[in-house]
Amino acid sequence: MATGQQLIDAIFNERRMELAMEGHRYYDLKRSSRLSDAMASFLNYNINESTDQYDAGNDEGKYYNAAIHSLFPIPQSEINLSQGKITQNPGY
């Protein structure tokens, strides 16, 4: 029976398998503060480990920037309603 960190790792792995094709994985990684690590692993795998003829060498993950990509854009209507109190998140 897993306990402590082994249990947490097992839960995160199960969530990874369950959420992978449901469109919730990004939000799960962001909520659990694991998004930056996942993106770094993704990039490392594609650049250094993948043998897939389509993904090997794919360096798109290098453009991930936690300061920009972990935020969503603020709707322009909300910015307008705030009368200048709210400004757009960086990168949008």
N, C-alpha and C. Protein backbone atom coordinates (compact mmCIF):
# COMPACT_ATOMS: atom_id res chain seq x y z
N MET A 1 0.84 -1.18 0.00
CA MET A 1 0.00 0.00 0.00
C MET A 1 0.89 1.24 0.00
N ALA A 2 0.62 2.14 -0.92
CA ALA A 2 1.40 3.37 -1.03
C ALA A 2 0.97 4.38 0.02
N THR A 3 1.94 5.09 0.55
CA THR A 3 1.66 6.17 1.50
C THR A 3 2.57 7.35 1.18
N GLY A 4 2.28 8.48 1.78
CA GLY A 4 3.13 9.65 1.61
C GLY A 4 3.29 10.06 0.16
N GLN A 5 4.52 10.35 -0.21
CA GLN A 5 4.82 10.84 -1.56
C GLN A 5 4.50 9.79 -2.62
N GLN A 6 4.68 8.51 -2.31
CA GLN A 6 4.34 7.45 -3.28
C GLN A 6 2.85 7.50 -3.62
N LEU A 7 2.02 7.74 -2.61
CA LEU A 7 0.58 7.82 -2.84
C LEU A 7 0.24 9.04 -3.70
N ILE A 8 0.84 10.17 -3.37
CA ILE A 8 0.59 11.39 -4.15
C ILE A 8 1.03 11.19 -5.59
N ASP A 9 2.20 10.59 -5.81
CA ASP A 9 2.68 10.33 -7.17
C ASP A 9 1.74 9.39 -7.91
N ALA A 10 1.23 8.38 -7.22
CA ALA A 10 0.29 7.43 -7.84
C ALA A 10 -1.01 8.14 -8.24
N ILE A 11 -1.49 9.02 -7.40
CA ILE A 11 -2.71 9.77 -7.70
C ILE A 11 -2.49 10.68 -8.91
N PHE A 12 -1.38 11.41 -8.92
CA PHE A 12 -1.09 12.29 -10.05
C PHE A 12 -0.93 11.50 -11.34
N ASN A 13 -0.32 10.34 -11.27
CA ASN A 13 -0.17 9.51 -12.48
C ASN A 13 -1.54 9.03 -12.97
N GLU A 14 -2.41 8.63 -12.05
CA GLU A 14 -3.75 8.20 -12.44
C GLU A 14 -4.53 9.35 -13.07
N ARG A 15 -4.41 10.53 -12.50
CA ARG A 15 -5.08 11.70 -13.07
C ARG A 15 -4.53 12.01 -14.45
N ARG A 16 -3.22 11.82 -14.62
CA ARG A 16 -2.59 12.04 -15.92
C ARG A 16 -3.23 11.14 -16.98
N MET A 17 -3.40 9.88 -16.65
CA MET A 17 -3.99 8.93 -17.59
C MET A 17 -5.47 9.25 -17.85
N GLU A 18 -6.19 9.61 -16.81
CA GLU A 18 -7.62 9.86 -16.94
C GLU A 18 -7.93 11.16 -17.68
N LEU A 19 -7.13 12.18 -17.45
CA LEU A 19 -7.44 13.51 -17.99
C LEU A 19 -6.77 13.81 -19.32
N ALA A 20 -5.88 12.95 -19.76
CA ALA A 20 -5.06 13.24 -20.94
C ALA A 20 -5.87 13.63 -22.16
N MET A 21 -6.93 12.96 -22.45
CA MET A 21 -7.69 13.22 -23.67
C MET A 21 -9.02 13.91 -23.40
N GLU A 22 -9.20 14.44 -22.19
CA GLU A 22 -10.47 15.07 -21.84
C GLU A 22 -10.40 16.58 -21.78
N GLY A 23 -9.24 17.17 -22.05
CA GLY A 23 -9.12 18.61 -22.03
C GLY A 23 -8.98 19.23 -20.65
N HIS A 24 -8.70 18.42 -19.63
CA HIS A 24 -8.58 18.92 -18.27
C HIS A 24 -7.15 18.87 -17.75
N ARG A 25 -6.26 18.26 -18.48
CA ARG A 25 -4.89 18.06 -18.00
C ARG A 25 -4.18 19.38 -17.69
N TYR A 26 -4.30 20.35 -18.57
CA TYR A 26 -3.66 21.65 -18.36
C TYR A 26 -4.10 22.26 -17.03
N TYR A 27 -5.40 22.26 -16.78
CA TYR A 27 -5.93 22.86 -15.57
C TYR A 27 -5.48 22.09 -14.33
N ASP A 28 -5.40 20.78 -14.44
CA ASP A 28 -4.93 19.96 -13.32
C ASP A 28 -3.47 20.27 -13.00
N LEU A 29 -2.65 20.39 -14.03
CA LEU A 29 -1.24 20.73 -13.82
C LEU A 29 -1.09 22.13 -13.23
N LYS A 30 -1.86 23.05 -13.73
CA LYS A 30 -1.79 24.42 -13.23
C LYS A 30 -2.24 24.48 -11.77
N ARG A 31 -3.34 23.84 -11.45
CA ARG A 31 -3.90 23.85 -10.10
C ARG A 31 -2.94 23.22 -9.09
N SER A 32 -2.20 22.21 -9.52
CA SER A 32 -1.29 21.50 -8.61
C SER A 32 0.14 22.05 -8.68
N SER A 33 0.32 23.19 -9.36
CA SER A 33 1.64 23.85 -9.48
C SER A 33 2.70 22.95 -10.10
N ARG A 34 2.28 22.12 -11.06
CA ARG A 34 3.20 21.22 -11.74
C ARG A 34 3.32 21.51 -13.23
N LEU A 35 2.75 22.62 -13.69
CA LEU A 35 2.74 22.94 -15.11
C LEU A 35 4.14 23.19 -15.65
N SER A 36 4.94 23.97 -14.95
CA SER A 36 6.29 24.28 -15.43
C SER A 36 7.15 23.02 -15.53
N ASP A 37 7.05 22.15 -14.53
CA ASP A 37 7.81 20.89 -14.57
C ASP A 37 7.36 20.00 -15.72
N ALA A 38 6.05 19.94 -15.96
CA ALA A 38 5.54 19.12 -17.05
C ALA A 38 6.00 19.64 -18.40
N MET A 39 6.02 20.94 -18.56
CA MET A 39 6.46 21.52 -19.83
C MET A 39 7.96 21.29 -20.04
N ALA A 40 8.74 21.39 -18.98
CA ALA A 40 10.18 21.13 -19.09
C ALA A 40 10.42 19.67 -19.46
N SER A 41 9.65 18.75 -18.86
CA SER A 41 9.79 17.33 -19.19
C SER A 41 9.38 17.05 -20.63
N PHE A 42 8.32 17.71 -21.07
CA PHE A 42 7.84 17.57 -22.44
C PHE A 42 8.91 17.99 -23.44
N LEU A 43 9.51 19.14 -23.20
CA LEU A 43 10.55 19.64 -24.09
C LEU A 43 11.76 18.72 -24.08
N ASN A 44 12.19 18.31 -22.90
CA ASN A 44 13.34 17.42 -22.80
C ASN A 44 13.09 16.11 -23.54
N TYR A 45 11.89 15.55 -23.38
CA TYR A 45 11.57 14.29 -24.06
C TYR A 45 11.64 14.47 -25.58
N ASN A 46 11.01 15.51 -26.09
CA ASN A 46 11.00 15.71 -27.55
C ASN A 46 12.39 15.96 -28.11
N ILE A 47 13.20 16.72 -27.41
CA ILE A 47 14.53 17.08 -27.91
C ILE A 47 15.53 15.93 -27.73
N ASN A 48 15.49 15.27 -26.60
CA ASN A 48 16.56 14.33 -26.25
C ASN A 48 16.21 12.85 -26.24
N GLU A 49 14.92 12.51 -26.14
CA GLU A 49 14.58 11.10 -25.92
C GLU A 49 13.67 10.48 -26.97
N SER A 50 12.83 11.27 -27.58
CA SER A 50 11.82 10.72 -28.49
C SER A 50 12.46 10.09 -29.72
N THR A 51 11.92 8.94 -30.11
CA THR A 51 12.34 8.30 -31.35
C THR A 51 11.23 8.36 -32.40
N ASP A 52 10.15 9.04 -32.06
CA ASP A 52 9.02 9.21 -32.96
C ASP A 52 9.45 10.10 -34.12
N GLN A 53 9.26 9.65 -35.34
CA GLN A 53 9.74 10.39 -36.50
C GLN A 53 9.05 11.75 -36.66
N TYR A 54 7.88 11.92 -36.04
CA TYR A 54 7.16 13.19 -36.17
C TYR A 54 7.47 14.15 -35.02
N ASP A 55 7.76 13.64 -33.83
CA ASP A 55 7.97 14.50 -32.66
C ASP A 55 9.43 14.69 -32.28
N ALA A 56 10.30 13.78 -32.66
CA ALA A 56 11.71 13.90 -32.28
C ALA A 56 12.26 15.21 -32.80
N GLY A 57 12.87 15.98 -31.92
CA GLY A 57 13.43 17.26 -32.29
C GLY A 57 12.44 18.41 -32.25
N ASN A 58 11.17 18.13 -31.96
CA ASN A 58 10.16 19.18 -31.87
C ASN A 58 10.48 20.05 -30.66
N ASP A 59 10.80 21.32 -30.89
CA ASP A 59 11.21 22.19 -29.80
C ASP A 59 10.16 23.24 -29.44
N GLU A 60 8.89 23.00 -29.79
CA GLU A 60 7.85 23.99 -29.52
C GLU A 60 7.72 24.30 -28.04
N GLY A 61 8.03 23.38 -27.17
CA GLY A 61 7.93 23.62 -25.74
C GLY A 61 8.88 24.68 -25.23
N LYS A 62 9.88 25.04 -26.03
CA LYS A 62 10.83 26.06 -25.60
C LYS A 62 10.18 27.43 -25.49
N TYR A 63 9.04 27.61 -26.11
CA TYR A 63 8.35 28.89 -26.06
C TYR A 63 7.50 29.06 -24.81
N TYR A 64 7.37 28.02 -24.00
CA TYR A 64 6.59 28.12 -22.77
C TYR A 64 7.27 29.08 -21.80
N ASN A 65 6.51 30.03 -21.31
CA ASN A 65 6.99 31.00 -20.34
C ASN A 65 5.96 31.07 -19.22
N ALA A 66 6.31 30.60 -18.04
CA ALA A 66 5.36 30.52 -16.93
C ALA A 66 4.75 31.88 -16.60
N ALA A 67 5.50 32.95 -16.75
CA ALA A 67 4.99 34.28 -16.42
C ALA A 67 3.84 34.69 -17.35
N ILE A 68 3.83 34.13 -18.55
CA ILE A 68 2.80 34.47 -19.53
C ILE A 68 1.77 33.36 -19.68
N HIS A 69 2.21 32.13 -19.86
CA HIS A 69 1.32 31.05 -20.22
C HIS A 69 0.54 30.42 -19.08
N SER A 70 0.80 30.82 -17.86
CA SER A 70 0.00 30.29 -16.77
C SER A 70 -1.14 31.24 -16.42
N LEU A 71 -1.28 32.32 -17.19
CA LEU A 71 -2.38 33.27 -17.01
C LEU A 71 -3.28 33.24 -18.23
N PHE A 72 -4.53 33.58 -18.03
CA PHE A 72 -5.46 33.73 -19.14
C PHE A 72 -5.64 35.21 -19.43
N PRO A 73 -6.07 35.55 -20.65
CA PRO A 73 -6.33 36.96 -20.93
C PRO A 73 -7.57 37.43 -20.17
N ILE A 74 -7.55 38.67 -19.77
CA ILE A 74 -8.72 39.27 -19.14
C ILE A 74 -9.61 39.80 -20.26
N PRO A 75 -10.89 39.47 -20.23
CA PRO A 75 -11.77 39.95 -21.29
C PRO A 75 -11.74 41.48 -21.39
N GLN A 76 -11.69 41.98 -22.61
CA GLN A 76 -11.62 43.42 -22.83
C GLN A 76 -12.80 44.13 -22.19
N SER A 77 -13.96 43.49 -22.19
CA SER A 77 -15.14 44.12 -21.58
C SER A 77 -14.92 44.37 -20.08
N GLU A 78 -14.24 43.47 -19.40
CA GLU A 78 -13.95 43.66 -17.98
C GLU A 78 -12.94 44.78 -17.75
N ILE A 79 -11.96 44.85 -18.63
CA ILE A 79 -10.98 45.94 -18.54
C ILE A 79 -11.69 47.27 -18.74
N ASN A 80 -12.59 47.34 -19.72
CA ASN A 80 -13.33 48.57 -19.99
C ASN A 80 -14.22 48.95 -18.81
N LEU A 81 -14.89 47.95 -18.22
CA LEU A 81 -15.78 48.22 -17.08
C LEU A 81 -15.01 48.70 -15.85
N SER A 82 -13.76 48.33 -15.73
CA SER A 82 -12.96 48.72 -14.55
C SER A 82 -12.48 50.17 -14.63
N GLN A 83 -12.68 50.80 -15.77
CA GLN A 83 -12.26 52.18 -15.99
C GLN A 83 -10.79 52.39 -15.66
N GLY A 84 -9.95 51.48 -16.14
CA GLY A 84 -8.51 51.61 -16.00
C GLY A 84 -7.91 50.99 -14.75
N LYS A 85 -8.72 50.42 -13.89
CA LYS A 85 -8.19 49.80 -12.67
C LYS A 85 -7.57 48.43 -12.94
N ILE A 86 -8.04 47.79 -14.01
CA ILE A 86 -7.53 46.47 -14.41
C ILE A 86 -6.76 46.64 -15.71
N THR A 87 -5.58 46.02 -15.78
CA THR A 87 -4.82 46.00 -17.02
C THR A 87 -4.68 44.56 -17.49
N GLN A 88 -4.41 44.43 -18.76
CA GLN A 88 -4.30 43.11 -19.37
C GLN A 88 -3.10 42.35 -18.82
N ASN A 89 -3.26 41.04 -18.70
CA ASN A 89 -2.14 40.18 -18.29
C ASN A 89 -1.05 40.23 -19.34
N PRO A 90 0.22 40.05 -18.94
CA PRO A 90 1.32 40.12 -19.91
C PRO A 90 1.17 39.06 -21.00
N GLY A 91 1.55 39.42 -22.20
CA GLY A 91 1.53 38.48 -23.31
C GLY A 91 0.26 38.50 -24.12
N TYR A 92 -0.73 39.33 -23.75
CA TYR A 92 -1.99 39.35 -24.50
C TYR A 92 -2.26 40.70 -25.08
